[in-house]
PDB file of N, CA and C in Angstrom:
ATOM      1  N   GLY A   1     102.424 110.533 113.647  1.00  0.00           N
ATOM      2  CA  GLY A   1     101.485 109.403 114.650  1.00  0.00           C
ATOM      3  C   GLY A   1     100.215 109.358 113.467  1.00  0.00           C
ATOM      4  N   ILE A   2      99.245 109.997 113.012  1.00  0.00           N
ATOM      5  CA  ILE A   2      98.385 110.307 112.108  1.00  0.00           C
ATOM      6  C   ILE A   2      98.277 109.256 111.153  1.00  0.00           C
ATOM      7  N   SER A   3      99.395 109.739 110.347  1.00  0.00           N
ATOM      8  CA  SER A   3      99.412 108.627 109.280  1.00  0.00           C
ATOM      9  C   SER A   3      99.685 107.285 109.647  1.00  0.00           C
ATOM     10  N   ILE A   4     100.439 107.145 111.067  1.00  0.00           N
ATOM     11  CA  ILE A   4      99.927 105.510 111.305  1.00  0.00           C
ATOM     12  C   ILE A   4      99.117 104.978 111.501  1.00  0.00           C
ATOM     13  N   PHE A   5      98.659 105.718 112.259  1.00  0.00           N
ATOM     14  CA  PHE A   5      96.952 105.520 112.931  1.00  0.00           C
ATOM     15  C   PHE A   5      96.419 105.261 111.690  1.00  0.00           C
ATOM     16  N   VAL A   6      96.244 106.014 110.715  1.00  0.00           N
ATOM     17  CA  VAL A   6      94.937 105.710 110.237  1.00  0.00           C
ATOM     18  C   VAL A   6      95.612 104.201 109.371  1.00  0.00           C
ATOM     19  N   GLY A   7      96.970 104.525 108.921  1.00  0.00           N
ATOM     20  CA  GLY A   7      96.734 103.120 108.207  1.00  0.00           C
ATOM     21  C   GLY A   7      96.745 101.363 109.204  1.00  0.00           C
ATOM     22  N   MET A   8      96.938 101.615 110.219  1.00  0.00           N
ATOM     23  CA  MET A   8      96.538 100.842 111.388  1.00  0.00           C
ATOM     24  C   MET A   8      95.035 100.519 111.476  1.00  0.00           C
ATOM     25  N   PHE A   9      94.216 101.937 111.577  1.00  0.00           N
ATOM     26  CA  PHE A   9      92.642 101.727 111.235  1.00  0.00           C
ATOM     27  C   PHE A   9      92.203 101.162 110.025  1.00  0.00           C
ATOM     28  N   THR A  10      92.539 101.157 109.113  1.00  0.00           N
ATOM     29  CA  THR A  10      91.934 100.576 107.053  1.00  0.00           C
ATOM     30  C   THR A  10      92.308  99.273 107.313  1.00  0.00           C
ATOM     31  N   THR A  11      94.086  98.963 107.782  1.00  0.00           N
ATOM     32  CA  THR A  11      93.741  97.780 107.590  1.00  0.00           C
ATOM     33  C   THR A  11      93.054  97.031 108.644  1.00  0.00           C
ATOM     34  N   ALA A  12      93.355  97.187 110.141  1.00  0.00           N
ATOM     35  CA  ALA A  12      92.186  96.352 111.107  1.00  0.00           C
ATOM     36  C   ALA A  12      90.516  96.751 110.587  1.00  0.00           C
ATOM     37  N   SER A  13      89.860  97.262 110.348  1.00  0.00           N
ATOM     38  CA  SER A  13      89.224  97.763 109.903  1.00  0.00           C
ATOM     39  C   SER A  13      88.487  97.034 109.102  1.00  0.00           C
ATOM     40  N   SER A  14      89.289  96.754 107.331  1.00  0.00           N
ATOM     41  CA  SER A  14      89.368  96.597 107.082  1.00  0.00           C
ATOM     42  C   SER A  14      88.578  94.732 107.141  1.00  0.00           C
ATOM     43  N   SER A  15      90.318  94.632 107.805  1.00  0.00           N
ATOM     44  CA  SER A  15      90.169  92.630 108.010  1.00  0.00           C
ATOM     45  C   SER A  15      89.070  92.285 108.737  1.00  0.00           C
ATOM     46  N   ALA A  16      88.983  93.405 109.918  1.00  0.00           N
ATOM     47  CA  ALA A  16      86.979  92.810 110.886  1.00  0.00           C
ATOM     48  C   ALA A  16      86.552  92.840 109.896  1.00  0.00           C
ATOM     49  N   LEU A  17      86.488  93.335 108.824  1.00  0.00           N
ATOM     50  CA  LEU A  17      85.509  92.524 107.873  1.00  0.00           C
ATOM     51  C   LEU A  17      84.804  90.684 107.527  1.00  0.00           C
ATOM     52  N   LEU A  18      85.747  90.749 108.124  1.00  0.00           N
ATOM     53  CA  LEU A  18      86.243  88.846 107.724  1.00  0.00           C
ATOM     54  C   LEU A  18      85.825  87.967 109.490  1.00  0.00           C
ATOM     55  N   ILE A  19      85.545  89.134 110.216  1.00  0.00           N
ATOM     56  CA  ILE A  19      85.668  87.451 110.716  1.00  0.00           C
ATOM     57  C   ILE A  19      84.386  87.664 111.768  1.00  0.00           C
ATOM     58  N   PRO A  20      83.044  88.378 110.847  1.00  0.00           N
ATOM     59  CA  PRO A  20      81.296  87.504 111.480  1.00  0.00           C
ATOM     60  C   PRO A  20      80.878  85.685 109.817  1.00  0.00           C
ATOM     61  N   SER A  21      83.064  85.697 109.199  1.00  0.00           N
ATOM     62  CA  SER A  21      82.511  84.955 108.277  1.00  0.00           C
ATOM     63  C   SER A  21      82.064  83.772 108.189  1.00  0.00           C
ATOM     64  N   SER A  22      81.742  82.966 107.679  1.00  0.00           N
ATOM     65  CA  SER A  22      82.017  81.356 108.681  1.00  0.00           C
ATOM     66  C   SER A  22      82.348  80.624 107.919  1.00  0.00           C
ATOM     67  N   LEU A  23      83.125  80.771 106.757  1.00  0.00           N
ATOM     68  CA  LEU A  23      84.085  80.214 107.210  1.00  0.00           C
ATOM     69  C   LEU A  23      86.030  80.062 107.475  1.00  0.00           C
ATOM     70  N   VAL A  24      86.074  79.309 108.281  1.00  0.00           N
ATOM     71  CA  VAL A  24      87.005  78.937 109.760  1.00  0.00           C
ATOM     72  C   VAL A  24      88.585  79.915 108.953  1.00  0.00           C
ATOM     73  N   PRO A  25      88.576  79.955 107.928  1.00  0.00           N
ATOM     74  CA  PRO A  25      90.562  80.694 107.092  1.00  0.00           C
ATOM     75  C   PRO A  25      90.152  82.181 107.572  1.00  0.00           C
ATOM     76  N   PHE A  26      89.178  81.602 106.370  1.00  0.00           N
ATOM     77  CA  PHE A  26      89.115  83.389 107.035  1.00  0.00           C
ATOM     78  C   PHE A  26      88.809  84.899 108.414  1.00  0.00           C
ATOM     79  N   LYS A  27      88.653  84.043 108.434  1.00  0.00           N
ATOM     80  CA  LYS A  27      87.931  84.205 110.763  1.00  0.00           C
ATOM     81  C   LYS A  27      89.702  84.409 110.864  1.00  0.00           C
ATOM     82  N   LYS A  28      90.241  83.231 111.109  1.00  0.00           N
ATOM     83  CA  LYS A  28      91.555  82.983 112.028  1.00  0.00           C
ATOM     84  C   LYS A  28      92.341  83.988 111.178  1.00  0.00           C
ATOM     85  N   PHE A  29      92.509  84.046 110.073  1.00  0.00           N
ATOM     86  CA  PHE A  29      93.290  85.375 108.669  1.00  0.00           C
ATOM     87  C   PHE A  29      92.676  86.514 109.630  1.00  0.00           C
ATOM     88  N   ALA A  30      91.541  87.167 109.194  1.00  0.00           N
ATOM     89  CA  ALA A  30      91.486  88.177 110.519  1.00  0.00           C
ATOM     90  C   ALA A  30      91.617  88.614 111.560  1.00  0.00           C
ATOM     91  N   MET A  31      91.131  88.065 112.286  1.00  0.00           N
ATOM     92  CA  MET A  31      92.169  87.635 113.294  1.00  0.00           C
ATOM     93  C   MET A  31      93.521  88.294 114.047  1.00  0.00           C
ATOM     94  N   ILE A  32      94.198  87.269 113.250  1.00  0.00           N
ATOM     95  CA  ILE A  32      95.161  87.333 112.846  1.00  0.00           C
ATOM     96  C   ILE A  32      95.976  88.668 112.809  1.00  0.00           C
ATOM     97  N   ILE A  33      95.610  89.063 111.405  1.00  0.00           N
ATOM     98  CA  ILE A  33      95.569  90.457 110.106  1.00  0.00           C
ATOM     99  C   ILE A  33      95.296  91.933 111.692  1.00  0.00           C
ATOM    100  N   VAL A  34      94.577  91.646 112.773  1.00  0.00           N
ATOM    101  CA  VAL A  34      93.383  92.777 113.563  1.00  0.00           C
ATOM    102  C   VAL A  34      94.323  92.401 114.798  1.00  0.00           C
ATOM    103  N   CYS A  35      94.823  91.941 115.215  1.00  0.00           N
ATOM    104  CA  CYS A  35      96.082  91.493 116.260  1.00  0.00           C
ATOM    105  C   CYS A  35      97.123  92.102 116.357  1.00  0.00           C
ATOM    106  N   THR A  36      98.090  91.680 114.615  1.00  0.00           N
ATOM    107  CA  THR A  36      99.625  91.967 114.188  1.00  0.00           C
ATOM    108  C   THR A  36      99.652  93.840 114.561  1.00  0.00           C
ATOM    109  N   SER A  37      98.088  93.774 113.894  1.00  0.00           N
ATOM    110  CA  SER A  37      97.819  95.462 113.765  1.00  0.00           C
ATOM    111  C   SER A  37      97.664  96.474 115.147  1.00  0.00           C
ATOM    112  N   GLY A  38      96.930  95.241 115.603  1.00  0.00           N
ATOM    113  CA  GLY A  38      97.010  96.625 117.092  1.00  0.00           C
ATOM    114  C   GLY A  38      98.142  96.697 117.837  1.00  0.00           C
ATOM    115  N   VAL A  39      98.967  95.364 117.841  1.00  0.00           N
ATOM    116  CA  VAL A  39     100.289  95.130 118.161  1.00  0.00           C
ATOM    117  C   VAL A  39     101.950  96.046 118.013  1.00  0.00           C
ATOM    118  N   ALA A  40     101.940  96.456 116.401  1.00  0.00           N
ATOM    119  CA  ALA A  40     102.122  97.141 116.005  1.00  0.00           C
ATOM    120  C   ALA A  40     102.311  98.646 116.477  1.00  0.00           C
ATOM    121  N   PHE A  41     100.745  99.114 115.817  1.00  0.00           N
ATOM    122  CA  PHE A  41      99.982 100.442 116.416  1.00  0.00           C
ATOM    123  C   PHE A  41     101.161 100.598 118.179  1.00  0.00           C
ATOM    124  N   LEU A  42     100.637  99.943 118.717  1.00  0.00           N
ATOM    125  CA  LEU A  42     101.366  99.785 120.270  1.00  0.00           C
ATOM    126  C   LEU A  42     102.679 100.385 120.313  1.00  0.00           C
ATOM    127  N   THR A  43     103.060  98.965 119.793  1.00  0.00           N
ATOM    128  CA  THR A  43     104.382  98.477 120.282  1.00  0.00           C
ATOM    129  C   THR A  43     105.089 100.379 119.019  1.00  0.00           C
ATOM    130  N   THR A  44     104.113 101.094 117.746  1.00  0.00           N
ATOM    131  CA  THR A  44     105.496 101.621 117.501  1.00  0.00           C
ATOM    132  C   THR A  44     104.738 103.044 118.091  1.00  0.00           C
ATOM    133  N   MET A  45     104.008 103.235 119.053  1.00  0.00           N
ATOM    134  CA  MET A  45     103.161 104.680 119.117  1.00  0.00           C
ATOM    135  C   MET A  45     104.006 104.475 120.952  1.00  0.00           C
ATOM    136  N   LEU A  46     105.030 103.933 121.680  1.00  0.00           N
ATOM    137  CA  LEU A  46     105.228 103.618 123.318  1.00  0.00           C
ATOM    138  C   LEU A  46     106.353 103.078 122.663  1.00  0.00           C
ATOM    139  N   PHE A  47     106.692 101.416 122.461  1.00  0.00           N
ATOM    140  CA  PHE A  47     107.822 101.430 122.289  1.00  0.00           C
ATOM    141  C   PHE A  47     109.190 102.183 122.372  1.00  0.00           C
ATOM    142  N   PHE A  48     108.146 102.220 120.357  1.00  0.00           N
ATOM    143  CA  PHE A  48     109.925 103.256 120.010  1.00  0.00           C
ATOM    144  C   PHE A  48     109.360 104.239 120.101  1.00  0.00           C
ATOM    145  N   GLY A  49     108.638 104.983 120.698  1.00  0.00           N
ATOM    146  CA  GLY A  49     109.179 106.423 120.614  1.00  0.00           C
ATOM    147  C   GLY A  49     109.968 106.817 122.639  1.00  0.00           C
ATOM    148  N   ALA A  50     109.540 105.311 123.246  1.00  0.00           N
ATOM    149  CA  ALA A  50     110.570 105.798 124.585  1.00  0.00           C
ATOM    150  C   ALA A  50     112.881 105.100 123.967  1.00  0.00           C
ATOM    151  N   LEU A  51     112.293 103.876 122.774  1.00  0.00           N
ATOM    152  CA  LEU A  51     113.656 104.031 122.512  1.00  0.00           C
ATOM    153  C   LEU A  51     114.292 104.786 122.205  1.00  0.00           C
ATOM    154  N   MET A  52     113.583 105.859 120.898  1.00  0.00           N
ATOM    155  CA  MET A  52     114.298 107.178 120.001  1.00  0.00           C
ATOM    156  C   MET A  52     114.705 107.686 121.154  1.00  0.00           C
ATOM    157  N   HIS A  53     113.237 108.341 122.251  1.00  0.00           N
ATOM    158  CA  HIS A  53     114.411 108.893 123.566  1.00  0.00           C
ATOM    159  C   HIS A  53     115.437 108.734 124.227  1.00  0.00           C
ATOM    160  N   LEU A  54     115.352 107.585 123.871  1.00  0.00           N
ATOM    161  CA  LEU A  54     116.670 106.986 124.784  1.00  0.00           C
ATOM    162  C   LEU A  54     117.992 107.285 123.876  1.00  0.00           C
ATOM    163  N   PHE A  55     117.677 106.372 122.943  1.00  0.00           N
ATOM    164  CA  PHE A  55     119.141 106.168 122.107  1.00  0.00           C
ATOM    165  C   PHE A  55     118.878 107.265 120.318  1.00  0.00           C
ATOM    166  N   GLY A  56     118.724 107.789 120.803  1.00  0.00           N
ATOM    167  CA  GLY A  56     117.718 108.139 118.707  1.00  0.00           C
ATOM    168  C   GLY A  56     119.296 109.844 118.737  1.00  0.00           C
ATOM    169  N   PRO A  57     119.189 109.894 117.842  1.00  0.00           N
ATOM    170  CA  PRO A  57     120.072 111.677 117.710  1.00  0.00           C
ATOM    171  C   PRO A  57     120.043 111.963 118.818  1.00  0.00           C
ATOM    172  N   GLN A  58     121.057 112.721 119.085  1.00  0.00           N
ATOM    173  CA  GLN A  58     121.305 113.699 120.404  1.00  0.00           C
ATOM    174  C   GLN A  58     121.278 114.896 119.623  1.00  0.00           C
ATOM    175  N   ALA A  59     121.235 115.869 119.971  1.00  0.00           N
ATOM    176  CA  ALA A  59     121.834 117.203 119.486  1.00  0.00           C
ATOM    177  C   ALA A  59     123.235 118.006 120.459  1.00  0.00           C
ATOM    178  N   THR A  60     123.588 117.682 118.869  1.00  0.00           N
ATOM    179  CA  THR A  60     124.897 118.750 118.609  1.00  0.00           C
ATOM    180  C   THR A  60     124.861 119.630 120.002  1.00  0.00           C
ATOM    181  N   ASP A  61     124.556 120.931 119.580  1.00  0.00           N
ATOM    182  CA  ASP A  61     124.102 122.394 119.411  1.00  0.00           C
ATOM    183  C   ASP A  61     122.963 122.393 119.851  1.00  0.00           C
ATOM    184  N   PRO A  62     123.276 123.357 121.380  1.00  0.00           N
ATOM    185  CA  PRO A  62     122.616 123.239 122.265  1.00  0.00           C
ATOM    186  C   PRO A  62     121.642 124.185 122.293  1.00  0.00           C
ATOM    187  N   ARG A  63     121.162 125.100 121.100  1.00  0.00           N
ATOM    188  CA  ARG A  63     120.079 126.117 120.393  1.00  0.00           C
ATOM    189  C   ARG A  63     119.860 125.049 119.705  1.00  0.00           C
ATOM    190  N   ASP A  64     119.213 123.284 120.150  1.00  0.00           N
ATOM    191  CA  ASP A  64     118.783 122.555 119.181  1.00  0.00           C
ATOM    192  C   ASP A  64     117.765 122.381 119.443  1.00  0.00           C
TER     193      ASP A  64
END
């Protein structure tokens, strides 16, 4: 989980530096990247974990 968080954090923070730009394309591009990184992180941490719990590999040996 920490590697996914750090990847999201570095991507979002480096993109956030473009938000105060006076050029509109840079500002819009930065907002898209920040929002996409945030949604992808939340989806990975919440939804994907729940899906793996429901449909992921099942232990065949009771000791696993």
